[in-house]
Every structure is written in structure tokens, then in C-alpha cells.
All heavy atoms as atom14 arrays in JSON, in Angstrom:
{
  "sequence": "RDTSLDPLSYMINHLNSVGDKRGLDQVDLFLLGYSLEVKIVVYR",
  "atom14_mask": [
    [1, 1, 1, 1, 1, 1, 1, 1, 1, 1, 1, 0, 0, 0],
    [1, 1, 1, 1, 1, 1, 1, 1, 0, 0, 0, 0, 0, 0],
    [1, 1, 1, 1, 1, 1, 1, 0, 0, 0, 0, 0, 0, 0],
    [1, 1, 1, 1, 1, 1, 0, 0, 0, 0, 0, 0, 0, 0],
    [1, 1, 1, 1, 1, 1, 1, 1, 0, 0, 0, 0, 0, 0],
    [1, 1, 1, 1, 1, 1, 1, 1, 0, 0, 0, 0, 0, 0],
    [1, 1, 1, 1, 1, 1, 1, 0, 0, 0, 0, 0, 0, 0],
    [1, 1, 1, 1, 1, 1, 1, 1, 0, 0, 0, 0, 0, 0],
    [1, 1, 1, 1, 1, 1, 0, 0, 0, 0, 0, 0, 0, 0],
    [1, 1, 1, 1, 1, 1, 1, 1, 1, 1, 1, 1, 0, 0],
    [1, 1, 1, 1, 1, 1, 1, 1, 0, 0, 0, 0, 0, 0],
    [1, 1, 1, 1, 1, 1, 1, 1, 0, 0, 0, 0, 0, 0],
    [1, 1, 1, 1, 1, 1, 1, 1, 0, 0, 0, 0, 0, 0],
    [1, 1, 1, 1, 1, 1, 1, 1, 1, 1, 0, 0, 0, 0],
    [1, 1, 1, 1, 1, 1, 1, 1, 0, 0, 0, 0, 0, 0],
    [1, 1, 1, 1, 1, 1, 1, 1, 0, 0, 0, 0, 0, 0],
    [1, 1, 1, 1, 1, 1, 0, 0, 0, 0, 0, 0, 0, 0],
    [1, 1, 1, 1, 1, 1, 1, 0, 0, 0, 0, 0, 0, 0],
    [1, 1, 1, 1, 0, 0, 0, 0, 0, 0, 0, 0, 0, 0],
    [1, 1, 1, 1, 1, 1, 1, 1, 0, 0, 0, 0, 0, 0],
    [1, 1, 1, 1, 1, 1, 1, 1, 1, 0, 0, 0, 0, 0],
    [1, 1, 1, 1, 1, 1, 1, 1, 1, 1, 1, 0, 0, 0],
    [1, 1, 1, 1, 0, 0, 0, 0, 0, 0, 0, 0, 0, 0],
    [1, 1, 1, 1, 1, 1, 1, 1, 0, 0, 0, 0, 0, 0],
    [1, 1, 1, 1, 1, 1, 1, 1, 0, 0, 0, 0, 0, 0],
    [1, 1, 1, 1, 1, 1, 1, 1, 1, 0, 0, 0, 0, 0],
    [1, 1, 1, 1, 1, 1, 1, 0, 0, 0, 0, 0, 0, 0],
    [1, 1, 1, 1, 1, 1, 1, 1, 0, 0, 0, 0, 0, 0],
    [1, 1, 1, 1, 1, 1, 1, 1, 0, 0, 0, 0, 0, 0],
    [1, 1, 1, 1, 1, 1, 1, 1, 1, 1, 1, 0, 0, 0],
    [1, 1, 1, 1, 1, 1, 1, 1, 0, 0, 0, 0, 0, 0],
    [1, 1, 1, 1, 1, 1, 1, 1, 0, 0, 0, 0, 0, 0],
    [1, 1, 1, 1, 0, 0, 0, 0, 0, 0, 0, 0, 0, 0],
    [1, 1, 1, 1, 1, 1, 1, 1, 1, 1, 1, 1, 0, 0],
    [1, 1, 1, 1, 1, 1, 0, 0, 0, 0, 0, 0, 0, 0],
    [1, 1, 1, 1, 1, 1, 1, 1, 0, 0, 0, 0, 0, 0],
    [1, 1, 1, 1, 1, 1, 1, 1, 1, 0, 0, 0, 0, 0],
    [1, 1, 1, 1, 1, 1, 1, 0, 0, 0, 0, 0, 0, 0],
    [1, 1, 1, 1, 1, 1, 1, 1, 1, 0, 0, 0, 0, 0],
    [1, 1, 1, 1, 1, 1, 1, 1, 0, 0, 0, 0, 0, 0],
    [1, 1, 1, 1, 1, 1, 1, 0, 0, 0, 0, 0, 0, 0],
    [1, 1, 1, 1, 1, 1, 1, 0, 0, 0, 0, 0, 0, 0],
    [1, 1, 1, 1, 1, 1, 1, 1, 1, 1, 1, 1, 0, 0],
    [1, 1, 1, 1, 1, 1, 1, 1, 1, 1, 1, 0, 0, 0]
  ],
  "atom14_positions": [
    [[96.54, 69.0, 52.61], [97.11, 68.38, 53.8], [96.11, 68.43, 54.96], [95.44, 69.43, 55.17], [98.4, 69.08, 54.22], [99.5, 69.03, 53.18], [100.81, 69.6, 53.7], [100.68, 71.0, 54.11], [101.72, 71.77, 54.46], [102.94, 71.26, 54.45], [101.54, 73.03, 54.81], [0.0, 0.0, 0.0], [0.0, 0.0, 0.0], [0.0, 0.0, 0.0]],
    [[96.05, 67.34, 55.72], [95.14, 67.29, 56.87], [95.48, 68.37, 57.9], [94.61, 68.78, 58.67], [95.19, 65.91, 57.54], [94.6, 64.83, 56.66], [93.81, 65.18, 55.76], [94.94, 63.65, 56.86], [0.0, 0.0, 0.0], [0.0, 0.0, 0.0], [0.0, 0.0, 0.0], [0.0, 0.0, 0.0], [0.0, 0.0, 0.0], [0.0, 0.0, 0.0]],
    [[96.73, 68.78, 57.92], [97.17, 69.76, 58.93], [97.05, 71.21, 58.46], [97.35, 72.13, 59.21], [98.64, 69.48, 59.31], [99.44, 69.48, 58.11], [98.77, 68.15, 60.03], [0.0, 0.0, 0.0], [0.0, 0.0, 0.0], [0.0, 0.0, 0.0], [0.0, 0.0, 0.0], [0.0, 0.0, 0.0], [0.0, 0.0, 0.0], [0.0, 0.0, 0.0]],
    [[96.61, 71.42, 57.2], [96.46, 72.8, 56.71], [95.29, 72.89, 55.74], [95.42, 73.37, 54.63], [97.75, 73.27, 56.03], [98.14, 72.42, 54.97], [0.0, 0.0, 0.0], [0.0, 0.0, 0.0], [0.0, 0.0, 0.0], [0.0, 0.0, 0.0], [0.0, 0.0, 0.0], [0.0, 0.0, 0.0], [0.0, 0.0, 0.0], [0.0, 0.0, 0.0]],
    [[94.14, 72.42, 56.21], [92.94, 72.43, 55.38], [92.4, 73.84, 55.16], [91.66, 74.09, 54.2], [91.84, 71.56, 56.01], [92.16, 70.06, 56.1], [91.1, 69.35, 56.94], [92.25, 69.45, 54.71], [0.0, 0.0, 0.0], [0.0, 0.0, 0.0], [0.0, 0.0, 0.0], [0.0, 0.0, 0.0], [0.0, 0.0, 0.0], [0.0, 0.0, 0.0]],
    [[92.77, 74.76, 56.05], [92.33, 76.14, 55.96], [93.4, 77.03, 56.58], [94.36, 76.51, 57.18], [90.97, 76.33, 56.65], [90.97, 75.82, 58.07], [91.96, 76.04, 58.8], [89.98, 75.18, 58.48], [0.0, 0.0, 0.0], [0.0, 0.0, 0.0], [0.0, 0.0, 0.0], [0.0, 0.0, 0.0], [0.0, 0.0, 0.0], [0.0, 0.0, 0.0]],
    [[93.3, 78.36, 56.47], [94.34, 79.24, 57.01], [94.57, 79.08, 58.51], [95.72, 79.14, 58.96], [93.82, 80.63, 56.67], [92.99, 80.44, 55.45], [92.33, 79.11, 55.64], [0.0, 0.0, 0.0], [0.0, 0.0, 0.0], [0.0, 0.0, 0.0], [0.0, 0.0, 0.0], [0.0, 0.0, 0.0], [0.0, 0.0, 0.0], [0.0, 0.0, 0.0]],
    [[93.52, 78.89, 59.28], [93.69, 78.74, 60.72], [94.53, 77.51, 61.06], [95.48, 77.6, 61.85], [92.33, 78.63, 61.41], [92.36, 78.28, 62.91], [93.17, 79.31, 63.69], [90.93, 78.17, 63.46], [0.0, 0.0, 0.0], [0.0, 0.0, 0.0], [0.0, 0.0, 0.0], [0.0, 0.0, 0.0], [0.0, 0.0, 0.0], [0.0, 0.0, 0.0]],
    [[94.22, 76.37, 60.46], [94.99, 75.16, 60.75], [96.42, 75.28, 60.23], [97.35, 74.75, 60.83], [94.31, 73.92, 60.15], [94.18, 74.03, 58.74], [0.0, 0.0, 0.0], [0.0, 0.0, 0.0], [0.0, 0.0, 0.0], [0.0, 0.0, 0.0], [0.0, 0.0, 0.0], [0.0, 0.0, 0.0], [0.0, 0.0, 0.0], [0.0, 0.0, 0.0]],
    [[96.59, 76.01, 59.12], [97.95, 76.23, 58.62], [98.76, 77.04, 59.63], [99.93, 76.74, 59.9], [97.92, 76.94, 57.27], [99.29, 77.22, 56.7], [100.12, 76.19, 56.31], [99.77, 78.53, 56.6], [101.39, 76.44, 55.8], [101.03, 78.79, 56.09], [101.84, 77.74, 55.7], [103.11, 77.99, 55.22], [0.0, 0.0, 0.0], [0.0, 0.0, 0.0]],
    [[98.14, 78.08, 60.19], [98.85, 78.89, 61.17], [99.17, 78.09, 62.43], [100.31, 78.09, 62.91], [98.01, 80.12, 61.54], [98.7, 81.07, 62.52], [97.62, 82.39, 63.14], [96.65, 81.46, 64.36], [0.0, 0.0, 0.0], [0.0, 0.0, 0.0], [0.0, 0.0, 0.0], [0.0, 0.0, 0.0], [0.0, 0.0, 0.0], [0.0, 0.0, 0.0]],
    [[98.17, 77.38, 62.96], [98.34, 76.66, 64.22], [99.33, 75.51, 64.08], [100.22, 75.33, 64.92], [96.98, 76.13, 64.74], [96.04, 77.29, 65.07], [97.19, 75.23, 65.95], [96.51, 78.17, 66.2], [0.0, 0.0, 0.0], [0.0, 0.0, 0.0], [0.0, 0.0, 0.0], [0.0, 0.0, 0.0], [0.0, 0.0, 0.0], [0.0, 0.0, 0.0]],
    [[99.2, 74.74, 63.01], [99.99, 73.5, 62.87], [101.33, 73.69, 62.18], [102.19, 72.81, 62.25], [99.17, 72.46, 62.1], [97.92, 72.05, 62.84], [97.92, 71.94, 64.07], [96.83, 71.83, 62.11], [0.0, 0.0, 0.0], [0.0, 0.0, 0.0], [0.0, 0.0, 0.0], [0.0, 0.0, 0.0], [0.0, 0.0, 0.0], [0.0, 0.0, 0.0]],
    [[101.51, 74.82, 61.49], [102.74, 74.99, 60.73], [103.46, 76.3, 61.09], [104.53, 76.28, 61.69], [102.44, 74.93, 59.23], [102.0, 73.58, 58.77], [102.88, 72.62, 58.32], [100.77, 73.02, 58.7], [102.22, 71.52, 58.0], [100.93, 71.74, 58.22], [0.0, 0.0, 0.0], [0.0, 0.0, 0.0], [0.0, 0.0, 0.0], [0.0, 0.0, 0.0]],
    [[102.86, 77.43, 60.71], [103.58, 78.7, 60.84], [103.97, 79.03, 62.27], [105.05, 79.56, 62.52], [102.74, 79.84, 60.26], [102.87, 80.12, 58.76], [102.1, 81.38, 58.41], [104.32, 80.24, 58.33], [0.0, 0.0, 0.0], [0.0, 0.0, 0.0], [0.0, 0.0, 0.0], [0.0, 0.0, 0.0], [0.0, 0.0, 0.0], [0.0, 0.0, 0.0]],
    [[103.09, 78.77, 63.22], [103.38, 79.15, 64.6], [104.66, 78.51, 65.15], [105.33, 79.08, 66.01], [102.2, 78.81, 65.52], [101.17, 79.92, 65.58], [101.35, 80.97, 64.96], [100.1, 79.71, 66.31], [0.0, 0.0, 0.0], [0.0, 0.0, 0.0], [0.0, 0.0, 0.0], [0.0, 0.0, 0.0], [0.0, 0.0, 0.0], [0.0, 0.0, 0.0]],
    [[104.99, 77.32, 64.67], [106.17, 76.64, 65.18], [107.42, 76.87, 64.34], [108.51, 76.43, 64.7], [105.9, 75.13, 65.29], [105.51, 74.6, 64.04], [0.0, 0.0, 0.0], [0.0, 0.0, 0.0], [0.0, 0.0, 0.0], [0.0, 0.0, 0.0], [0.0, 0.0, 0.0], [0.0, 0.0, 0.0], [0.0, 0.0, 0.0], [0.0, 0.0, 0.0]],
    [[107.27, 77.58, 63.2], [108.45, 77.89, 62.37], [109.33, 78.89, 63.13], [108.86, 79.91, 63.6], [108.03, 78.48, 61.01], [109.25, 79.04, 60.27], [107.35, 77.42, 60.17], [0.0, 0.0, 0.0], [0.0, 0.0, 0.0], [0.0, 0.0, 0.0], [0.0, 0.0, 0.0], [0.0, 0.0, 0.0], [0.0, 0.0, 0.0], [0.0, 0.0, 0.0]],
    [[110.6, 78.56, 63.24], [111.52, 79.37, 64.02], [111.72, 78.81, 65.42], [112.69, 79.14, 66.09], [0.0, 0.0, 0.0], [0.0, 0.0, 0.0], [0.0, 0.0, 0.0], [0.0, 0.0, 0.0], [0.0, 0.0, 0.0], [0.0, 0.0, 0.0], [0.0, 0.0, 0.0], [0.0, 0.0, 0.0], [0.0, 0.0, 0.0], [0.0, 0.0, 0.0]],
    [[110.78, 77.95, 65.85], [110.87, 77.35, 67.18], [111.19, 75.87, 67.08], [112.31, 75.45, 67.34], [109.55, 77.58, 67.92], [109.56, 77.0, 69.33], [110.66, 76.78, 69.86], [108.47, 76.79, 69.9], [0.0, 0.0, 0.0], [0.0, 0.0, 0.0], [0.0, 0.0, 0.0], [0.0, 0.0, 0.0], [0.0, 0.0, 0.0], [0.0, 0.0, 0.0]],
    [[110.21, 75.08, 66.65], [110.39, 73.63, 66.61], [110.61, 73.08, 65.21], [110.96, 71.91, 65.05], [109.17, 72.94, 67.22], [108.95, 73.29, 68.68], [107.68, 72.64, 69.22], [107.45, 73.01, 70.68], [106.2, 72.42, 71.22], [0.0, 0.0, 0.0], [0.0, 0.0, 0.0], [0.0, 0.0, 0.0], [0.0, 0.0, 0.0], [0.0, 0.0, 0.0]],
    [[110.39, 73.89, 64.18], [110.5, 73.38, 62.82], [110.83, 74.51, 61.87], [110.72, 75.69, 62.2], [109.18, 72.71, 62.39], [107.99, 73.66, 62.39], [106.69, 72.96, 62.05], [106.69, 72.39, 60.73], [106.4, 73.07, 59.63], [106.09, 74.36, 59.69], [106.41, 72.49, 58.47], [0.0, 0.0, 0.0], [0.0, 0.0, 0.0], [0.0, 0.0, 0.0]],
    [[111.27, 74.11, 60.66], [111.49, 75.07, 59.59], [110.35, 74.99, 58.59], [109.23, 74.63, 58.94], [0.0, 0.0, 0.0], [0.0, 0.0, 0.0], [0.0, 0.0, 0.0], [0.0, 0.0, 0.0], [0.0, 0.0, 0.0], [0.0, 0.0, 0.0], [0.0, 0.0, 0.0], [0.0, 0.0, 0.0], [0.0, 0.0, 0.0], [0.0, 0.0, 0.0]],
    [[110.65, 75.3, 57.33], [109.63, 75.27, 56.28], [109.65, 73.93, 55.54], [110.71, 73.36, 55.31], [109.86, 76.4, 55.28], [109.75, 77.83, 55.82], [109.94, 78.83, 54.68], [108.41, 78.07, 56.49], [0.0, 0.0, 0.0], [0.0, 0.0, 0.0], [0.0, 0.0, 0.0], [0.0, 0.0, 0.0], [0.0, 0.0, 0.0], [0.0, 0.0, 0.0]],
    [[108.46, 73.45, 55.16], [108.34, 72.26, 54.33], [108.56, 72.63, 52.86], [108.67, 73.8, 52.51], [106.95, 71.63, 54.5], [106.72, 71.12, 55.91], [107.71, 70.74, 56.57], [105.55, 71.09, 56.35], [0.0, 0.0, 0.0], [0.0, 0.0, 0.0], [0.0, 0.0, 0.0], [0.0, 0.0, 0.0], [0.0, 0.0, 0.0], [0.0, 0.0, 0.0]],
    [[108.6, 71.6, 52.0], [108.83, 71.84, 50.58], [107.74, 72.73, 49.97], [108.03, 73.67, 49.24], [108.88, 70.51, 49.82], [110.0, 69.58, 50.28], [111.38, 70.14, 50.04], [111.71, 70.5, 48.93], [112.18, 70.24, 51.1], [0.0, 0.0, 0.0], [0.0, 0.0, 0.0], [0.0, 0.0, 0.0], [0.0, 0.0, 0.0], [0.0, 0.0, 0.0]],
    [[106.47, 72.47, 50.3], [105.39, 73.29, 49.73], [105.46, 74.72, 50.26], [105.05, 75.67, 49.59], [104.01, 72.65, 50.01], [103.66, 72.72, 51.5], [102.92, 73.32, 49.18], [0.0, 0.0, 0.0], [0.0, 0.0, 0.0], [0.0, 0.0, 0.0], [0.0, 0.0, 0.0], [0.0, 0.0, 0.0], [0.0, 0.0, 0.0], [0.0, 0.0, 0.0]],
    [[106.0, 74.88, 51.46], [106.15, 76.23, 52.03], [107.13, 77.07, 51.23], [107.03, 78.31, 51.22], [106.63, 76.15, 53.48], [105.63, 75.47, 54.39], [104.42, 75.63, 54.15], [106.05, 74.79, 55.34], [0.0, 0.0, 0.0], [0.0, 0.0, 0.0], [0.0, 0.0, 0.0], [0.0, 0.0, 0.0], [0.0, 0.0, 0.0], [0.0, 0.0, 0.0]],
    [[108.08, 76.42, 50.57], [109.05, 77.17, 49.76], [108.37, 77.82, 48.56], [108.74, 78.92, 48.15], [110.18, 76.24, 49.3], [111.11, 75.74, 50.41], [112.15, 74.78, 49.84], [111.81, 76.89, 51.11], [0.0, 0.0, 0.0], [0.0, 0.0, 0.0], [0.0, 0.0, 0.0], [0.0, 0.0, 0.0], [0.0, 0.0, 0.0], [0.0, 0.0, 0.0]],
    [[107.37, 77.14, 47.99], [106.58, 77.77, 46.94], [105.89, 79.02, 47.47], [105.89, 80.08, 46.84], [105.51, 76.8, 46.41], [106.01, 75.77, 45.45], [106.24, 74.47, 45.86], [106.22, 76.1, 44.11], [106.69, 73.52, 44.95], [106.66, 75.16, 43.2], [106.9, 73.86, 43.63], [0.0, 0.0, 0.0], [0.0, 0.0, 0.0], [0.0, 0.0, 0.0]],
    [[105.29, 78.88, 48.65], [104.57, 79.99, 49.27], [105.52, 81.13, 49.62], [105.18, 82.31, 49.41], [103.84, 79.5, 50.52], [103.14, 80.56, 51.36], [102.07, 81.31, 50.55], [102.51, 79.92, 52.61], [0.0, 0.0, 0.0], [0.0, 0.0, 0.0], [0.0, 0.0, 0.0], [0.0, 0.0, 0.0], [0.0, 0.0, 0.0], [0.0, 0.0, 0.0]],
    [[106.69, 80.81, 50.11], [107.68, 81.84, 50.46], [108.08, 82.64, 49.23], [108.1, 83.89, 49.25], [108.9, 81.19, 51.1], [110.07, 82.11, 51.46], [109.65, 83.17, 52.48], [111.25, 81.28, 51.98], [0.0, 0.0, 0.0], [0.0, 0.0, 0.0], [0.0, 0.0, 0.0], [0.0, 0.0, 0.0], [0.0, 0.0, 0.0], [0.0, 0.0, 0.0]],
    [[108.43, 81.95, 48.15], [108.81, 82.64, 46.92], [107.68, 83.46, 46.36], [107.88, 84.59, 45.89], [0.0, 0.0, 0.0], [0.0, 0.0, 0.0], [0.0, 0.0, 0.0], [0.0, 0.0, 0.0], [0.0, 0.0, 0.0], [0.0, 0.0, 0.0], [0.0, 0.0, 0.0], [0.0, 0.0, 0.0], [0.0, 0.0, 0.0], [0.0, 0.0, 0.0]],
    [[106.46, 82.92, 46.41], [105.28, 83.62, 45.91], [105.02, 84.89, 46.72], [104.69, 85.94, 46.17], [104.08, 82.68, 45.98], [102.77, 83.29, 45.53], [102.45, 83.4, 44.18], [101.83, 83.72, 46.46], [101.24, 83.95, 43.76], [100.61, 84.27, 46.07], [100.33, 84.38, 44.71], [99.13, 84.93, 44.31], [0.0, 0.0, 0.0], [0.0, 0.0, 0.0]],
    [[105.19, 84.81, 48.03], [104.92, 85.95, 48.91], [105.92, 87.08, 48.71], [105.56, 88.26, 48.75], [104.94, 85.5, 50.37], [103.96, 84.5, 50.61], [0.0, 0.0, 0.0], [0.0, 0.0, 0.0], [0.0, 0.0, 0.0], [0.0, 0.0, 0.0], [0.0, 0.0, 0.0], [0.0, 0.0, 0.0], [0.0, 0.0, 0.0], [0.0, 0.0, 0.0]],
    [[107.19, 86.72, 48.47], [108.24, 87.72, 48.32], [108.56, 88.03, 46.85], [109.41, 88.86, 46.56], [109.51, 87.25, 49.04], [109.35, 86.95, 50.54], [110.68, 86.5, 51.13], [108.8, 88.15, 51.29], [0.0, 0.0, 0.0], [0.0, 0.0, 0.0], [0.0, 0.0, 0.0], [0.0, 0.0, 0.0], [0.0, 0.0, 0.0], [0.0, 0.0, 0.0]],
    [[107.88, 87.32, 45.95], [108.06, 87.47, 44.5], [109.51, 87.26, 44.07], [110.13, 88.1, 43.42], [107.52, 88.83, 44.03], [106.02, 88.96, 44.2], [105.4, 90.08, 43.38], [106.14, 90.82, 42.71], [104.15, 90.19, 43.42], [0.0, 0.0, 0.0], [0.0, 0.0, 0.0], [0.0, 0.0, 0.0], [0.0, 0.0, 0.0], [0.0, 0.0, 0.0]],
    [[110.03, 86.1, 44.46], [111.35, 85.66, 44.0], [111.26, 84.19, 43.59], [110.43, 83.43, 44.11], [112.44, 85.82, 45.08], [112.74, 87.28, 45.35], [112.08, 85.09, 46.37], [0.0, 0.0, 0.0], [0.0, 0.0, 0.0], [0.0, 0.0, 0.0], [0.0, 0.0, 0.0], [0.0, 0.0, 0.0], [0.0, 0.0, 0.0], [0.0, 0.0, 0.0]],
    [[112.09, 83.81, 42.64], [112.21, 82.41, 42.26], [113.21, 81.74, 43.2], [114.34, 82.21, 43.35], [112.71, 82.28, 40.81], [111.76, 82.81, 39.77], [112.24, 82.51, 38.37], [113.51, 83.27, 38.03], [113.94, 83.03, 36.63], [0.0, 0.0, 0.0], [0.0, 0.0, 0.0], [0.0, 0.0, 0.0], [0.0, 0.0, 0.0], [0.0, 0.0, 0.0]],
    [[112.8, 80.65, 43.83], [113.67, 79.93, 44.75], [114.13, 78.64, 44.08], [113.32, 77.8, 43.71], [112.96, 79.62, 46.07], [112.59, 80.93, 46.79], [113.86, 78.77, 46.98], [111.85, 80.71, 48.11], [0.0, 0.0, 0.0], [0.0, 0.0, 0.0], [0.0, 0.0, 0.0], [0.0, 0.0, 0.0], [0.0, 0.0, 0.0], [0.0, 0.0, 0.0]],
    [[115.43, 78.52, 43.91], [116.05, 77.31, 43.36], [116.86, 76.65, 44.47], [117.64, 77.32, 45.15], [116.96, 77.65, 42.16], [117.73, 76.41, 41.72], [116.14, 78.21, 41.01], [0.0, 0.0, 0.0], [0.0, 0.0, 0.0], [0.0, 0.0, 0.0], [0.0, 0.0, 0.0], [0.0, 0.0, 0.0], [0.0, 0.0, 0.0], [0.0, 0.0, 0.0]],
    [[116.66, 75.36, 44.67], [117.36, 74.64, 45.72], [118.15, 73.47, 45.15], [117.59, 72.64, 44.42], [116.38, 74.11, 46.79], [117.15, 73.39, 47.9], [115.56, 75.25, 47.39], [0.0, 0.0, 0.0], [0.0, 0.0, 0.0], [0.0, 0.0, 0.0], [0.0, 0.0, 0.0], [0.0, 0.0, 0.0], [0.0, 0.0, 0.0], [0.0, 0.0, 0.0]],
    [[119.44, 73.43, 45.45], [120.27, 72.28, 45.1], [120.22, 71.31, 46.29], [120.75, 71.59, 47.36], [121.7, 72.72, 44.81], [121.82, 73.6, 43.6], [121.95, 74.99, 43.73], [121.79, 73.06, 42.32], [122.04, 75.8, 42.61], [121.89, 73.87, 41.19], [122.01, 75.24, 41.35], [122.11, 76.05, 40.24], [0.0, 0.0, 0.0], [0.0, 0.0, 0.0]],
    [[119.55, 70.17, 46.08], [119.35, 69.18, 47.15], [120.4, 68.08, 46.96], [120.22, 67.14, 46.19], [117.93, 68.63, 47.09], [116.87, 69.73, 47.15], [115.48, 69.19, 46.88], [115.02, 68.32, 47.95], [113.97, 67.52, 47.86], [113.27, 67.46, 46.72], [113.61, 66.76, 48.88], [0.0, 0.0, 0.0], [0.0, 0.0, 0.0], [0.0, 0.0, 0.0]]
  ]
}
């Protein structure tokens, strides 16, 4: 993604605004599950 080419841009363009102006994107759900070591299943 153009907005997360490296960790700094990921933090500035995505993580910093989570909880304020936005939530998590679909790819972020993979990262969330990977970080906490849980399988995340979503009924859309």
C-alpha cells in the first residue's frame, strides 16, 4: 500500500488514527490476529 510502504508510514497513516478517526482495515485484522496469536473469523 502507498500509505504503508514501511513501518513509519504505517504508524503515521494508519495506527496513529486508530481509535480516533478510523478503525482497522481488513489487512489489519490479519496483523491483529498474528500479534495476539488468535484466529479471527468475521461474519460479514
